[in-house]
Amino acid sequence: MQKYVYSFQSAVGIFWIRPERDKSWGLYIEGEGTVELLGYYGSAFAAADSVCMQSTGWNGWDRLKRIDAPPTLLLWSKKLVK
């Protein structure tokens, strides 16, 4: 089965969703030279939903009044993991 890394460039940084070794999906935020793990999810779709619903646990995103997040993972950029 092919695996992908997903990314979304937001106003506050780049969100990344990537497969983890334990078959979960990690959600990360990258900005200003740092990368922070925001949490693990059962699917990449669930991680993308937390970004869209502003329930990531990261106040820099969750408290914004206006967001530009795609409503579905299908609209995120994706790259095949080798």
Protein backbone atom coordinates (compact mmCIF):
# COMPACT_ATOMS: atom_id res chain seq x y z
CA MET A 1 0.00 0.00 0.00
CA GLN A 2 1.33 3.42 -0.93
CA LYS A 3 1.64 6.04 1.79
CA TYR A 4 1.63 9.78 1.44
CA VAL A 5 2.70 12.85 3.38
CA TYR A 6 0.16 15.66 3.20
CA SER A 7 0.84 19.37 3.58
CA PHE A 8 -1.14 22.58 3.74
CA GLN A 9 0.41 26.07 3.71
CA SER A 10 -1.58 28.24 6.11
CA ALA A 11 -1.16 31.84 7.22
CA VAL A 12 0.62 30.62 10.39
CA GLY A 13 2.87 27.94 8.90
CA ILE A 14 2.80 24.62 7.12
CA PHE A 15 0.68 21.80 8.53
CA TRP A 16 2.01 18.31 7.83
CA ILE A 17 0.25 14.98 8.18
CA ARG A 18 2.47 11.94 7.92
CA PRO A 19 2.22 8.22 8.60
CA GLU A 20 3.88 7.04 11.79
CA ARG A 21 5.47 3.65 12.51
CA ASP A 22 2.58 2.47 14.69
CA LYS A 23 0.10 3.01 11.81
CA SER A 24 -1.24 6.25 13.30
CA TRP A 25 -0.93 9.63 11.60
CA GLY A 26 1.06 12.53 13.07
CA LEU A 27 -0.08 16.15 12.69
CA TYR A 28 2.72 18.74 12.73
CA ILE A 29 3.02 22.51 12.34
CA GLU A 30 6.16 24.02 10.84
CA GLY A 31 6.97 27.69 11.13
CA GLU A 32 9.87 30.03 11.84
CA GLY A 33 12.42 27.23 11.72
CA THR A 34 10.64 24.89 14.14
CA VAL A 35 8.43 21.83 13.77
CA GLU A 36 5.97 20.92 16.52
CA LEU A 37 4.01 17.68 16.87
CA LEU A 38 0.37 18.51 17.54
CA GLY A 39 -0.93 14.97 17.99
CA TYR A 40 -1.59 11.50 16.64
CA TYR A 41 -4.73 10.45 14.79
CA GLY A 42 -6.29 7.23 13.58
CA SER A 43 -6.40 8.49 10.00
CA ALA A 44 -5.04 11.29 7.85
CA PHE A 45 -8.64 12.45 7.30
CA ALA A 46 -9.16 12.83 11.07
CA ALA A 47 -5.98 14.93 11.34
CA ALA A 48 -7.10 17.18 8.46
CA ASP A 49 -10.53 17.55 10.09
CA SER A 50 -8.92 18.78 13.32
CA VAL A 51 -7.15 21.49 11.32
CA CYS A 52 -10.36 22.51 9.54
CA MET A 53 -12.38 22.45 12.78
CA GLN A 54 -9.63 24.33 14.68
CA SER A 55 -9.28 21.59 17.27
CA THR A 56 -5.54 20.89 16.95
CA GLY A 57 -4.63 21.87 20.50
CA TRP A 58 -2.33 24.60 19.18
CA ASN A 59 -3.63 28.06 20.13
CA GLY A 60 -1.74 29.75 17.29
CA TRP A 61 -4.28 28.14 14.94
CA ASP A 62 -7.28 27.18 17.04
CA ARG A 63 -7.99 30.73 18.23
CA LEU A 64 -7.81 32.46 14.84
CA LYS A 65 -10.99 34.22 13.76
CA ARG A 66 -10.46 33.55 10.06
CA ILE A 67 -8.89 30.40 8.71
CA ASP A 68 -8.06 29.26 5.23
CA ALA A 69 -8.02 25.49 5.80
CA PRO A 70 -9.28 23.12 3.12
CA PRO A 71 -12.54 21.41 4.15
CA THR A 72 -11.14 17.96 3.30
CA LEU A 73 -7.83 16.12 3.10
CA LEU A 74 -8.45 15.65 -0.63
CA LEU A 75 -7.55 19.32 -1.11
CA TRP A 76 -4.22 19.12 0.73
CA SER A 77 -0.99 18.70 -1.25
CA LYS A 78 0.35 15.16 -1.14
CA LYS A 79 3.69 13.52 -1.82
CA LEU A 80 4.40 9.81 -2.06
CA VAL A 81 6.54 8.42 0.78
CA LYS A 82 9.35 6.16 -0.45
